[in-house]
Amino acid sequence: MDEHSNVDIEGLDDETFVVDEAQKPLTAYFNFYLKKLSVLFKEMQSLQTDGIVGEIGFGPLLGLKSQAIHRELSRELVQSFDVDNSMMEYNGHKIPIMVEDVEAVLGLKNEGVDVGKVIQKLNDKELALKHKINTKTTYHELHGEIVSGAFEGDDLKARVCVYIFGMFLCPNANTVPSIEHLKLLCSVGLKGKLNWCKWAHERLIDGVSKFKYRAGNAYITGCIAILEVMELDDDSVEGTNAAKTNVSTDVIMNGFEVFSHLNEMKVTLETGVDRQNKIEETLSILKDESKHVVDQVAGLSANMMYMKKTLRAIDAKFGIGLEE
């Protein structure tokens, strides 16, 4: 964790969740803020500043829909990941996660200058100073700066770039821009000339690898949603590799929206099952109460019969006409 890290993620609880692994000494943390990114894009569209998203190479992300990811599925997919072969082995299926798959899922072009080679030579503090970014500025504050109208040109692009990586493409434990993200603010990157697709793939694999081999902290960095879309695509399309199935980018990108609907359907189904269980429980209680009432009525009926017999006996003995 770098000097800008802050594991206190209070206030950024949009889609933060914890997954307990009883058999493992660490707990897996995921941060995922597509909902916040979607809100930012809508605000930028209203301000007519969303064009810069395309200028820095993230144009396809403007079409992504806002939704949460499936927590349990994410945990299972991460645990099933074969880092050495960059492949998920889930439900008896082997699902490769290659750069071409990230390109298909996100729509980002797999072309341009290699990010890893460029940022090795860059100084994060100098780039932050150049674009007037306070290294202690939180992502929430960055959001405000982006829509404030106070920044334009490369300074605005720099904020948008950092926000996209910190909130969606490579989220981690930080509430402020990491050293790695600040190094992306070079002129080549702000011109959209870096290979964001390859970098997103590398960060995802690296994040899963560090968690599985305990080389880093318990936060799984990278765009975990990519794994979910690929698993969904594997269930719905013949084949396991998006590049081999010739499925259009638009179709697979819509996997995010489809997955959202599936989650909603699952919640609806679970709610329906829960209601059915409650109804059955209520019916069971009513049945027991009904049986109790029947028993009480039977008891009262027996008491009335006994009382009538007693009255007849008294009448027969004393002839006082009690039954008249």
C-alpha atoms as a PDB file:
ATOM      1  CA  MET A   1       0.000   0.000   0.000  1.00  0.00           C
ATOM      2  CA  ASP A   2       1.484   3.358  -0.997  1.00  0.00           C
ATOM      3  CA  GLU A   3       1.822   6.565   0.975  1.00  0.00           C
ATOM      4  CA  HIS A   4      -1.514   7.839  -0.341  1.00  0.00           C
ATOM      5  CA  SER A   5      -3.456   4.786   0.781  1.00  0.00           C
ATOM      6  CA  ASN A   6      -6.244   5.015   3.297  1.00  0.00           C
ATOM      7  CA  VAL A   7      -8.027   1.847   4.329  1.00  0.00           C
ATOM      8  CA  ASP A   8     -10.820   3.825   5.984  1.00  0.00           C
ATOM      9  CA  ILE A   9     -13.442   3.633   3.239  1.00  0.00           C
ATOM     10  CA  GLU A  10     -16.270   5.184   5.246  1.00  0.00           C
ATOM     11  CA  GLY A  11     -18.250   7.497   3.002  1.00  0.00           C
ATOM     12  CA  LEU A  12     -17.504   5.382  -0.064  1.00  0.00           C
ATOM     13  CA  ASP A  13     -19.993   2.635   0.746  1.00  0.00           C
ATOM     14  CA  ASP A  14     -21.706   2.677  -2.664  1.00  0.00           C
ATOM     15  CA  GLU A  15     -20.713  -0.860  -3.583  1.00  0.00           C
ATOM     16  CA  THR A  16     -18.102  -1.782  -1.003  1.00  0.00           C
ATOM     17  CA  PHE A  17     -18.443  -5.193   0.527  1.00  0.00           C
ATOM     18  CA  VAL A  18     -16.547  -7.788   2.506  1.00  0.00           C
ATOM     19  CA  VAL A  19     -16.379 -11.493   1.813  1.00  0.00           C
ATOM     20  CA  ASP A  20     -15.357 -13.778   4.661  1.00  0.00           C
ATOM     21  CA  GLU A  21     -13.334 -16.876   3.875  1.00  0.00           C
ATOM     22  CA  ALA A  22     -13.382 -19.152   6.909  1.00  0.00           C
ATOM     23  CA  GLN A  23     -10.554 -21.282   5.570  1.00  0.00           C
ATOM     24  CA  LYS A  24      -8.309 -18.310   4.791  1.00  0.00           C
ATOM     25  CA  PRO A  25      -6.466 -15.967   7.178  1.00  0.00           C
ATOM     26  CA  LEU A  26      -7.381 -12.853   5.174  1.00  0.00           C
ATOM     27  CA  THR A  27     -10.676 -11.273   4.235  1.00  0.00           C
ATOM     28  CA  ALA A  28     -11.327 -10.247   0.659  1.00  0.00           C
ATOM     29  CA  TYR A  29     -12.465  -6.671   0.115  1.00  0.00           C
ATOM     30  CA  PHE A  30     -13.923  -5.411  -3.159  1.00  0.00           C
ATOM     31  CA  ASN A  31     -14.590  -1.783  -4.092  1.00  0.00           C
ATOM     32  CA  PHE A  32     -16.820  -1.133  -7.063  1.00  0.00           C
ATOM     33  CA  TYR A  33     -18.301   2.253  -7.916  1.00  0.00           C
ATOM     34  CA  LEU A  34     -19.840   2.010 -11.388  1.00  0.00           C
ATOM     35  CA  LYS A  35     -22.936   3.691  -9.980  1.00  0.00           C
ATOM     36  CA  LYS A  36     -20.920   6.772  -9.001  1.00  0.00           C
ATOM     37  CA  LEU A  37     -19.141   6.781 -12.370  1.00  0.00           C
ATOM     38  CA  SER A  38     -22.482   6.630 -14.159  1.00  0.00           C
ATOM     39  CA  VAL A  39     -23.726   9.613 -12.151  1.00  0.00           C
ATOM     40  CA  LEU A  40     -20.596  11.586 -13.077  1.00  0.00           C
ATOM     41  CA  PHE A  41     -21.038  10.819 -16.796  1.00  0.00           C
ATOM     42  CA  LYS A  42     -24.658  11.996 -16.703  1.00  0.00           C
ATOM     43  CA  GLU A  43     -23.592  15.251 -15.048  1.00  0.00           C
ATOM     44  CA  MET A  44     -20.834  15.744 -17.628  1.00  0.00           C
ATOM     45  CA  GLN A  45     -23.332  15.133 -20.436  1.00  0.00           C
ATOM     46  CA  SER A  46     -25.544  17.853 -18.981  1.00  0.00           C
ATOM     47  CA  LEU A  47     -22.537  20.183 -18.871  1.00  0.00           C
ATOM     48  CA  GLN A  48     -21.528  19.084 -22.399  1.00  0.00           C
ATOM     49  CA  THR A  49     -18.065  18.123 -21.169  1.00  0.00           C
ATOM     50  CA  ASP A  50     -18.462  14.372 -21.745  1.00  0.00           C
ATOM     51  CA  GLY A  51     -16.572  14.665 -25.052  1.00  0.00           C
ATOM     52  CA  ILE A  52     -13.259  14.612 -23.203  1.00  0.00           C
ATOM     53  CA  VAL A  53     -14.013  11.064 -22.016  1.00  0.00           C
ATOM     54  CA  GLY A  54     -13.657   9.959 -25.622  1.00  0.00           C
ATOM     55  CA  GLU A  55     -10.595  12.129 -26.158  1.00  0.00           C
ATOM     56  CA  ILE A  56      -8.647  10.277 -23.480  1.00  0.00           C
ATOM     57  CA  GLY A  57      -9.779   6.895 -24.832  1.00  0.00           C
ATOM     58  CA  PHE A  58     -12.674   5.967 -22.553  1.00  0.00           C
ATOM     59  CA  GLY A  59     -15.583   6.830 -24.847  1.00  0.00           C
ATOM     60  CA  PRO A  60     -17.154   3.313 -24.815  1.00  0.00           C
ATOM     61  CA  LEU A  61     -17.553   3.494 -21.029  1.00  0.00           C
ATOM     62  CA  LEU A  62     -20.148   6.243 -21.452  1.00  0.00           C
ATOM     63  CA  GLY A  63     -22.595   3.546 -22.531  1.00  0.00           C
ATOM     64  CA  LEU A  64     -22.214   1.358 -19.451  1.00  0.00           C
ATOM     65  CA  LYS A  65     -25.281   1.080 -17.253  1.00  0.00           C
ATOM     66  CA  SER A  66     -25.219   1.532 -13.500  1.00  0.00           C
ATOM     67  CA  GLN A  67     -25.674  -1.577 -11.393  1.00  0.00           C
ATOM     68  CA  ALA A  68     -24.165  -3.517  -8.550  1.00  0.00           C
ATOM     69  CA  ILE A  69     -22.195  -6.701  -8.930  1.00  0.00           C
ATOM     70  CA  HIS A  70     -23.193 -10.043  -7.437  1.00  0.00           C
ATOM     71  CA  ARG A  71     -21.135 -10.394  -4.285  1.00  0.00           C
ATOM     72  CA  GLU A  72     -21.184 -14.136  -3.830  1.00  0.00           C
ATOM     73  CA  LEU A  73     -20.524 -14.791  -7.505  1.00  0.00           C
ATOM     74  CA  SER A  74     -17.547 -12.403  -7.461  1.00  0.00           C
ATOM     75  CA  ARG A  75     -16.080 -14.236  -4.484  1.00  0.00           C
ATOM     76  CA  GLU A  76     -16.486 -17.597  -6.201  1.00  0.00           C
ATOM     77  CA  LEU A  77     -15.010 -16.367  -9.488  1.00  0.00           C
ATOM     78  CA  VAL A  78     -11.945 -14.900  -7.780  1.00  0.00           C
ATOM     79  CA  GLN A  79     -11.379 -18.086  -5.840  1.00  0.00           C
ATOM     80  CA  SER A  80     -11.728 -20.164  -9.017  1.00  0.00           C
ATOM     81  CA  PHE A  81      -9.214 -18.076 -10.953  1.00  0.00           C
ATOM     82  CA  ASP A  82      -6.119 -19.800 -12.334  1.00  0.00           C
ATOM     83  CA  VAL A  83      -3.632 -16.925 -12.364  1.00  0.00           C
ATOM     84  CA  ASP A  84      -0.925 -18.830 -14.244  1.00  0.00           C
ATOM     85  CA  ASN A  85      -3.243 -19.475 -17.200  1.00  0.00           C
ATOM     86  CA  SER A  86      -5.374 -16.325 -16.814  1.00  0.00           C
ATOM     87  CA  MET A  87      -8.472 -18.481 -16.659  1.00  0.00           C
ATOM     88  CA  MET A  88     -11.523 -19.051 -14.479  1.00  0.00           C
ATOM     89  CA  GLU A  89     -12.555 -22.644 -13.811  1.00  0.00           C
ATOM     90  CA  TYR A  90     -16.169 -22.278 -12.757  1.00  0.00           C
ATOM     91  CA  ASN A  91     -19.069 -24.753 -12.804  1.00  0.00           C
ATOM     92  CA  GLY A  92     -17.008 -27.197 -14.835  1.00  0.00           C
ATOM     93  CA  HIS A  93     -16.177 -24.559 -17.472  1.00  0.00           C
ATOM     94  CA  LYS A  94     -12.795 -23.089 -18.297  1.00  0.00           C
ATOM     95  CA  ILE A  95     -13.204 -19.413 -19.137  1.00  0.00           C
ATOM     96  CA  PRO A  96     -10.086 -17.577 -20.413  1.00  0.00           C
ATOM     97  CA  ILE A  97      -9.768 -13.925 -19.444  1.00  0.00           C
ATOM     98  CA  MET A  98      -7.515 -12.432 -22.113  1.00  0.00           C
ATOM     99  CA  VAL A  99      -6.909  -8.865 -23.252  1.00  0.00           C
ATOM    100  CA  GLU A 100      -9.275  -9.513 -26.173  1.00  0.00           C
ATOM    101  CA  ASP A 101     -12.021 -10.377 -23.696  1.00  0.00           C
ATOM    102  CA  VAL A 102     -11.528  -7.128 -21.782  1.00  0.00           C
ATOM    103  CA  GLU A 103     -11.697  -5.306 -25.130  1.00  0.00           C
ATOM    104  CA  ALA A 104     -15.002  -7.030 -25.909  1.00  0.00           C
ATOM    105  CA  VAL A 105     -16.508  -6.425 -22.471  1.00  0.00           C
ATOM    106  CA  LEU A 106     -15.494  -2.782 -22.020  1.00  0.00           C
ATOM    107  CA  GLY A 107     -15.224  -1.680 -25.620  1.00  0.00           C
ATOM    108  CA  LEU A 108     -11.770  -0.174 -25.004  1.00  0.00           C
ATOM    109  CA  LYS A 109      -9.360  -0.600 -27.917  1.00  0.00           C
ATOM    110  CA  ASN A 110      -6.481  -3.001 -27.436  1.00  0.00           C
ATOM    111  CA  GLU A 111      -3.982  -0.673 -29.065  1.00  0.00           C
ATOM    112  CA  GLY A 112      -1.590   2.084 -28.158  1.00  0.00           C
ATOM    113  CA  VAL A 113       1.516   2.553 -26.035  1.00  0.00           C
ATOM    114  CA  ASP A 114       2.109   0.059 -23.233  1.00  0.00           C
ATOM    115  CA  VAL A 115       1.157   1.777 -19.966  1.00  0.00           C
ATOM    116  CA  GLY A 116       3.511  -0.267 -17.788  1.00  0.00           C
ATOM    117  CA  LYS A 117       6.561   0.802 -19.737  1.00  0.00           C
ATOM    118  CA  VAL A 118       5.590   4.491 -19.761  1.00  0.00           C
ATOM    119  CA  ILE A 119       4.782   5.012 -16.087  1.00  0.00           C
ATOM    120  CA  GLN A 120       8.090   3.528 -14.907  1.00  0.00           C
ATOM    121  CA  LYS A 121       9.796   6.760 -15.887  1.00  0.00           C
ATOM    122  CA  LEU A 122       7.156   9.161 -14.512  1.00  0.00           C
ATOM    123  CA  ASN A 123       6.911  11.076 -11.247  1.00  0.00           C
ATOM    124  CA  ASP A 124       3.417  11.054  -9.750  1.00  0.00           C
ATOM    125  CA  LYS A 125       3.894  14.194  -7.637  1.00  0.00           C
ATOM    126  CA  GLU A 126       5.169  16.229 -10.569  1.00  0.00           C
ATOM    127  CA  LEU A 127       2.195  15.194 -12.723  1.00  0.00           C
ATOM    128  CA  ALA A 128      -0.250  15.940  -9.909  1.00  0.00           C
ATOM    129  CA  LEU A 129       1.312  19.395  -9.433  1.00  0.00           C
ATOM    130  CA  LYS A 130       1.233  20.027 -13.183  1.00  0.00           C
ATOM    131  CA  HIS A 131      -2.535  19.427 -13.295  1.00  0.00           C
ATOM    132  CA  LYS A 132      -3.234  21.141  -9.946  1.00  0.00           C
ATOM    133  CA  ILE A 133      -4.370  17.938  -8.244  1.00  0.00           C
ATOM    134  CA  ASN A 134      -3.896  17.762  -4.494  1.00  0.00           C
ATOM    135  CA  THR A 135      -2.624  14.242  -3.771  1.00  0.00           C
ATOM    136  CA  LYS A 136      -4.853  14.153  -0.680  1.00  0.00           C
ATOM    137  CA  THR A 137      -8.000  15.040  -2.617  1.00  0.00           C
ATOM    138  CA  THR A 138     -10.591  12.288  -2.235  1.00  0.00           C
ATOM    139  CA  TYR A 139     -12.513  10.786  -5.143  1.00  0.00           C
ATOM    140  CA  HIS A 140     -15.642  12.473  -3.826  1.00  0.00           C
ATOM    141  CA  GLU A 141     -13.858  15.830  -4.006  1.00  0.00           C
ATOM    142  CA  LEU A 142     -12.526  15.001  -7.473  1.00  0.00           C
ATOM    143  CA  HIS A 143     -16.096  14.419  -8.616  1.00  0.00           C
ATOM    144  CA  GLY A 144     -16.972  17.904  -7.396  1.00  0.00           C
ATOM    145  CA  GLU A 145     -13.973  19.442  -9.179  1.00  0.00           C
ATOM    146  CA  ILE A 146     -14.868  17.722 -12.460  1.00  0.00           C
ATOM    147  CA  VAL A 147     -18.399  19.164 -12.558  1.00  0.00           C
ATOM    148  CA  SER A 148     -17.499  22.519 -10.994  1.00  0.00           C
ATOM    149  CA  GLY A 149     -16.522  24.154 -14.276  1.00  0.00           C
ATOM    150  CA  ALA A 150     -13.300  25.397 -12.680  1.00  0.00           C
ATOM    151  CA  PHE A 151     -11.077  23.117 -14.771  1.00  0.00           C
ATOM    152  CA  GLU A 152     -10.730  22.527 -18.495  1.00  0.00           C
ATOM    153  CA  GLY A 153      -8.357  21.032 -21.025  1.00  0.00           C
ATOM    154  CA  ASP A 154      -5.726  18.628 -19.705  1.00  0.00           C
ATOM    155  CA  ASP A 155      -6.469  19.566 -16.086  1.00  0.00           C
ATOM    156  CA  LEU A 156     -10.043  18.338 -16.507  1.00  0.00           C
ATOM    157  CA  LYS A 157      -8.940  15.271 -18.456  1.00  0.00           C
ATOM    158  CA  ALA A 158      -6.482  14.381 -15.693  1.00  0.00           C
ATOM    159  CA  ARG A 159      -9.229  14.400 -13.075  1.00  0.00           C
ATOM    160  CA  VAL A 160     -11.559  12.314 -15.217  1.00  0.00           C
ATOM    161  CA  CYS A 161      -8.802   9.791 -15.982  1.00  0.00           C
ATOM    162  CA  VAL A 162      -7.902   9.316 -12.326  1.00  0.00           C
ATOM    163  CA  TYR A 163     -11.567   9.062 -11.357  1.00  0.00           C
ATOM    164  CA  ILE A 164     -12.316   6.365 -13.963  1.00  0.00           C
ATOM    165  CA  PHE A 165      -9.424   4.196 -12.819  1.00  0.00           C
ATOM    166  CA  GLY A 166      -9.973   4.763  -9.118  1.00  0.00           C
ATOM    167  CA  MET A 167     -13.722   4.120  -9.234  1.00  0.00           C
ATOM    168  CA  PHE A 168     -14.135   1.476 -11.911  1.00  0.00           C
ATOM    169  CA  LEU A 169     -11.193   0.138 -13.919  1.00  0.00           C
ATOM    170  CA  CYS A 170      -8.823  -0.403 -11.007  1.00  0.00           C
ATOM    171  CA  PRO A 171     -10.463   0.412  -7.649  1.00  0.00           C
ATOM    172  CA  ASN A 172      -8.589  -0.427  -4.463  1.00  0.00           C
ATOM    173  CA  ALA A 173      -8.461   0.524  -0.785  1.00  0.00           C
ATOM    174  CA  ASN A 174      -7.608   4.161  -1.494  1.00  0.00           C
ATOM    175  CA  THR A 175     -10.016   7.028  -0.977  1.00  0.00           C
ATOM    176  CA  VAL A 176      -7.509   9.302  -2.745  1.00  0.00           C
ATOM    177  CA  PRO A 177      -5.628   8.834  -6.059  1.00  0.00           C
ATOM    178  CA  SER A 178      -2.835   6.286  -5.769  1.00  0.00           C
ATOM    179  CA  ILE A 179       0.708   6.845  -7.028  1.00  0.00           C
ATOM    180  CA  GLU A 180       0.017   4.432  -9.859  1.00  0.00           C
ATOM    181  CA  HIS A 181      -3.085   6.303 -10.993  1.00  0.00           C
ATOM    182  CA  LEU A 182      -1.385   9.696 -10.853  1.00  0.00           C
ATOM    183  CA  LYS A 183       1.367   8.392 -13.137  1.00  0.00           C
ATOM    184  CA  LEU A 184      -1.265   7.855 -15.841  1.00  0.00           C
ATOM    185  CA  LEU A 185      -1.593  11.625 -16.279  1.00  0.00           C
ATOM    186  CA  CYS A 186       1.215  11.996 -18.803  1.00  0.00           C
ATOM    187  CA  SER A 187       0.569  13.812 -22.083  1.00  0.00           C
ATOM    188  CA  VAL A 188       0.433  10.510 -24.002  1.00  0.00           C
ATOM    189  CA  GLY A 189      -2.295   9.225 -21.711  1.00  0.00           C
ATOM    190  CA  LEU A 190      -4.391  12.401 -21.842  1.00  0.00           C
ATOM    191  CA  LYS A 191      -4.282  12.225 -25.646  1.00  0.00           C
ATOM    192  CA  GLY A 192      -5.793   8.730 -25.525  1.00  0.00           C
ATOM    193  CA  LYS A 193      -2.642   7.100 -26.898  1.00  0.00           C
ATOM    194  CA  LEU A 194      -2.088   4.581 -24.082  1.00  0.00           C
ATOM    195  CA  ASN A 195      -3.389   1.026 -24.232  1.00  0.00           C
ATOM    196  CA  TRP A 196      -5.994   1.284 -21.467  1.00  0.00           C
ATOM    197  CA  CYS A 197      -7.459  -2.091 -22.374  1.00  0.00           C
ATOM    198  CA  LYS A 198      -4.213  -4.003 -21.807  1.00  0.00           C
ATOM    199  CA  TRP A 199      -3.565  -2.058 -18.608  1.00  0.00           C
ATOM    200  CA  ALA A 200      -7.041  -2.837 -17.211  1.00  0.00           C
ATOM    201  CA  HIS A 201      -6.433  -6.530 -17.939  1.00  0.00           C
ATOM    202  CA  GLU A 202      -3.004  -6.474 -16.284  1.00  0.00           C
ATOM    203  CA  ARG A 203      -4.308  -4.727 -13.167  1.00  0.00           C
ATOM    204  CA  LEU A 204      -7.173  -7.204 -12.822  1.00  0.00           C
ATOM    205  CA  ILE A 205      -4.881 -10.245 -13.110  1.00  0.00           C
ATOM    206  CA  ASP A 206      -2.316  -8.662 -10.795  1.00  0.00           C
ATOM    207  CA  GLY A 207      -4.987  -7.849  -8.205  1.00  0.00           C
ATOM    208  CA  VAL A 208      -6.378 -11.380  -8.175  1.00  0.00           C
ATOM    209  CA  SER A 209      -2.854 -12.821  -8.108  1.00  0.00           C
ATOM    210  CA  LYS A 210      -1.739 -10.716  -5.138  1.00  0.00           C
ATOM    211  CA  PHE A 211      -4.791 -11.752  -3.172  1.00  0.00           C
ATOM    212  CA  LYS A 212      -4.470 -15.455  -3.958  1.00  0.00           C
ATOM    213  CA  TYR A 213      -0.742 -15.554  -3.213  1.00  0.00           C
ATOM    214  CA  ARG A 214      -0.870 -13.119  -0.297  1.00  0.00           C
ATOM    215  CA  ALA A 215       1.674 -10.757  -1.837  1.00  0.00           C
ATOM    216  CA  GLY A 216      -0.477  -7.725  -1.129  1.00  0.00           C
ATOM    217  CA  ASN A 217      -3.253  -6.576   1.139  1.00  0.00           C
ATOM    218  CA  ALA A 218      -6.729  -8.071   1.322  1.00  0.00           C
ATOM    219  CA  TYR A 219      -8.204  -5.718  -1.282  1.00  0.00           C
ATOM    220  CA  ILE A 220      -8.693  -7.274  -4.691  1.00  0.00           C
ATOM    221  CA  THR A 221      -7.877  -4.540  -7.170  1.00  0.00           C
ATOM    222  CA  GLY A 222      -9.096  -4.436 -10.734  1.00  0.00           C
ATOM    223  CA  CYS A 223     -12.433  -4.422 -12.513  1.00  0.00           C
ATOM    224  CA  ILE A 224     -13.991  -7.558 -10.985  1.00  0.00           C
ATOM    225  CA  ALA A 225     -17.158  -7.012 -13.034  1.00  0.00           C
ATOM    226  CA  ILE A 226     -15.239  -8.233 -16.102  1.00  0.00           C
ATOM    227  CA  LEU A 227     -15.155 -11.703 -14.566  1.00  0.00           C
ATOM    228  CA  GLU A 228     -18.905 -11.655 -14.000  1.00  0.00           C
ATOM    229  CA  VAL A 229     -19.710 -10.591 -17.556  1.00  0.00           C
ATOM    230  CA  MET A 230     -17.425 -13.293 -18.950  1.00  0.00           C
ATOM    231  CA  GLU A 231     -19.077 -15.932 -16.757  1.00  0.00           C
ATOM    232  CA  LEU A 232     -22.499 -14.718 -17.919  1.00  0.00           C
ATOM    233  CA  ASP A 233     -21.336 -14.772 -21.550  1.00  0.00           C
ATOM    234  CA  ASP A 234     -20.027 -18.302 -21.104  1.00  0.00           C
ATOM    235  CA  ASP A 235     -23.465 -19.431 -19.917  1.00  0.00           C
ATOM    236  CA  SER A 236     -25.325 -17.723 -22.766  1.00  0.00           C
ATOM    237  CA  VAL A 237     -22.996 -18.001 -25.782  1.00  0.00           C
ATOM    238  CA  GLU A 238     -21.354 -21.081 -27.249  1.00  0.00           C
ATOM    239  CA  GLY A 239     -17.657 -21.044 -26.447  1.00  0.00           C
ATOM    240  CA  THR A 240     -15.689 -19.479 -23.627  1.00  0.00           C
ATOM    241  CA  ASN A 241     -13.587 -16.775 -25.232  1.00  0.00           C
ATOM    242  CA  ALA A 242     -15.278 -13.599 -26.413  1.00  0.00           C
ATOM    243  CA  ALA A 243     -12.730 -13.154 -29.177  1.00  0.00           C
ATOM    244  CA  LYS A 244     -13.453 -16.644 -30.532  1.00  0.00           C
ATOM    245  CA  THR A 245     -17.236 -16.482 -30.431  1.00  0.00           C
ATOM    246  CA  ASN A 246     -17.371 -13.395 -32.688  1.00  0.00           C
ATOM    247  CA  VAL A 247     -20.006 -11.854 -30.419  1.00  0.00           C
ATOM    248  CA  SER A 248     -20.299  -8.118 -31.098  1.00  0.00           C
ATOM    249  CA  THR A 249     -18.832  -5.672 -28.592  1.00  0.00           C
ATOM    250  CA  ASP A 250     -22.218  -4.036 -28.077  1.00  0.00           C
ATOM    251  CA  VAL A 251     -23.818  -7.357 -27.175  1.00  0.00           C
ATOM    252  CA  ILE A 252     -21.170  -8.247 -24.611  1.00  0.00           C
ATOM    253  CA  MET A 253     -21.068  -4.726 -23.194  1.00  0.00           C
ATOM    254  CA  ASN A 254     -24.774  -5.099 -22.604  1.00  0.00           C
ATOM    255  CA  GLY A 255     -23.815  -8.005 -20.384  1.00  0.00           C
ATOM    256  CA  PHE A 256     -23.472  -5.457 -17.584  1.00  0.00           C
ATOM    257  CA  GLU A 257     -27.096  -4.411 -18.091  1.00  0.00           C
ATOM    258  CA  VAL A 258     -28.284  -8.011 -18.530  1.00  0.00           C
ATOM    259  CA  PHE A 259     -26.449  -9.024 -15.390  1.00  0.00           C
ATOM    260  CA  SER A 260     -28.139  -6.171 -13.555  1.00  0.00           C
ATOM    261  CA  HIS A 261     -31.533  -7.475 -14.688  1.00  0.00           C
ATOM    262  CA  LEU A 262     -30.567 -10.991 -13.615  1.00  0.00           C
ATOM    263  CA  ASN A 263     -29.637  -9.666 -10.190  1.00  0.00           C
ATOM    264  CA  GLU A 264     -32.967  -7.856  -9.980  1.00  0.00           C
ATOM    265  CA  MET A 265     -34.774 -11.041 -11.025  1.00  0.00           C
ATOM    266  CA  LYS A 266     -32.841 -13.000  -8.410  1.00  0.00           C
ATOM    267  CA  VAL A 267     -33.787 -10.476  -5.723  1.00  0.00           C
ATOM    268  CA  THR A 268     -37.403 -10.613  -6.887  1.00  0.00           C
ATOM    269  CA  LEU A 269     -37.341 -14.417  -6.833  1.00  0.00           C
ATOM    270  CA  GLU A 270     -35.761 -14.483  -3.384  1.00  0.00           C
ATOM    271  CA  THR A 271     -38.369 -11.982  -2.194  1.00  0.00           C
ATOM    272  CA  GLY A 272     -41.114 -14.157  -3.667  1.00  0.00           C
ATOM    273  CA  VAL A 273     -39.714 -17.262  -2.013  1.00  0.00           C
ATOM    274  CA  ASP A 274     -39.403 -15.404   1.267  1.00  0.00           C
ATOM    275  CA  ARG A 275     -43.020 -14.246   1.002  1.00  0.00           C
ATOM    276  CA  GLN A 276     -44.137 -17.770   0.150  1.00  0.00           C
ATOM    277  CA  ASN A 277     -42.292 -19.117   3.177  1.00  0.00           C
ATOM    278  CA  LYS A 278     -43.930 -16.492   5.371  1.00  0.00           C
ATOM    279  CA  ILE A 279     -47.356 -17.340   3.928  1.00  0.00           C
ATOM    280  CA  GLU A 280     -46.777 -21.041   4.555  1.00  0.00           C
ATOM    281  CA  GLU A 281     -45.613 -20.249   8.072  1.00  0.00           C
ATOM    282  CA  THR A 282     -48.735 -18.140   8.655  1.00  0.00           C
ATOM    283  CA  LEU A 283     -50.972 -20.878   7.242  1.00  0.00           C
ATOM    284  CA  SER A 284     -49.290 -23.381   9.523  1.00  0.00           C
ATOM    285  CA  ILE A 285     -49.943 -21.125  12.509  1.00  0.00           C
ATOM    286  CA  LEU A 286     -53.562 -20.617  11.422  1.00  0.00           C
ATOM    287  CA  LYS A 287     -53.947 -24.364  10.975  1.00  0.00           C
ATOM    288  CA  ASP A 288     -52.660 -24.954  14.495  1.00  0.00           C
ATOM    289  CA  GLU A 289     -54.939 -22.209  15.842  1.00  0.00           C
ATOM    290  CA  SER A 290     -57.851 -23.637  13.897  1.00  0.00           C
ATOM    291  CA  LYS A 291     -57.221 -27.084  15.361  1.00  0.00           C
ATOM    292  CA  HIS A 292     -57.080 -25.503  18.798  1.00  0.00           C
ATOM    293  CA  VAL A 293     -60.412 -23.768  18.203  1.00  0.00           C
ATOM    294  CA  VAL A 294     -61.948 -27.011  16.941  1.00  0.00           C
ATOM    295  CA  ASP A 295     -60.719 -28.772  20.058  1.00  0.00           C
ATOM    296  CA  GLN A 296     -62.198 -26.018  22.212  1.00  0.00           C
ATOM    297  CA  VAL A 297     -65.531 -26.223  20.405  1.00  0.00           C
ATOM    298  CA  ALA A 298     -65.520 -29.995  20.820  1.00  0.00           C
ATOM    299  CA  GLY A 299     -64.789 -29.539  24.508  1.00  0.00           C
ATOM    300  CA  LEU A 300     -67.632 -27.029  24.906  1.00  0.00           C
ATOM    301  CA  SER A 301     -69.976 -29.362  23.035  1.00  0.00           C
ATOM    302  CA  ALA A 302     -69.042 -32.213  25.361  1.00  0.00           C
ATOM    303  CA  ASN A 303     -69.617 -29.964  28.390  1.00  0.00           C
ATOM    304  CA  MET A 304     -73.041 -28.950  27.072  1.00  0.00           C
ATOM    305  CA  MET A 305     -74.011 -32.603  26.558  1.00  0.00           C
ATOM    306  CA  TYR A 306     -72.899 -33.389  30.108  1.00  0.00           C
ATOM    307  CA  MET A 307     -74.899 -30.455  31.459  1.00  0.00           C
ATOM    308  CA  LYS A 308     -78.030 -31.587  29.602  1.00  0.00           C
ATOM    309  CA  LYS A 309     -77.679 -35.098  30.995  1.00  0.00           C
ATOM    310  CA  THR A 310     -77.242 -33.673  34.473  1.00  0.00           C
ATOM    311  CA  LEU A 311     -80.358 -31.501  34.083  1.00  0.00           C
ATOM    312  CA  ARG A 312     -82.408 -34.495  32.921  1.00  0.00           C
ATOM    313  CA  ALA A 313     -81.245 -36.523  35.902  1.00  0.00           C
ATOM    314  CA  ILE A 314     -82.185 -33.711  38.308  1.00  0.00           C
ATOM    315  CA  ASP A 315     -85.559 -33.285  36.624  1.00  0.00           C
ATOM    316  CA  ALA A 316     -86.276 -37.007  36.733  1.00  0.00           C
ATOM    317  CA  LYS A 317     -85.443 -37.201  40.428  1.00  0.00           C
ATOM    318  CA  PHE A 318     -87.143 -34.060  41.696  1.00  0.00           C
ATOM    319  CA  GLY A 319     -89.724 -33.404  38.935  1.00  0.00           C
ATOM    320  CA  ILE A 320     -89.103 -29.686  38.943  1.00  0.00           C
ATOM    321  CA  GLY A 321     -89.492 -29.234  35.171  1.00  0.00           C
ATOM    322  CA  LEU A 322     -86.040 -27.844  34.418  1.00  0.00           C
ATOM    323  CA  GLU A 323     -86.282 -28.792  30.721  1.00  0.00           C
ATOM    324  CA  GLU A 324     -89.502 -26.822  30.081  1.00  0.00           C
END
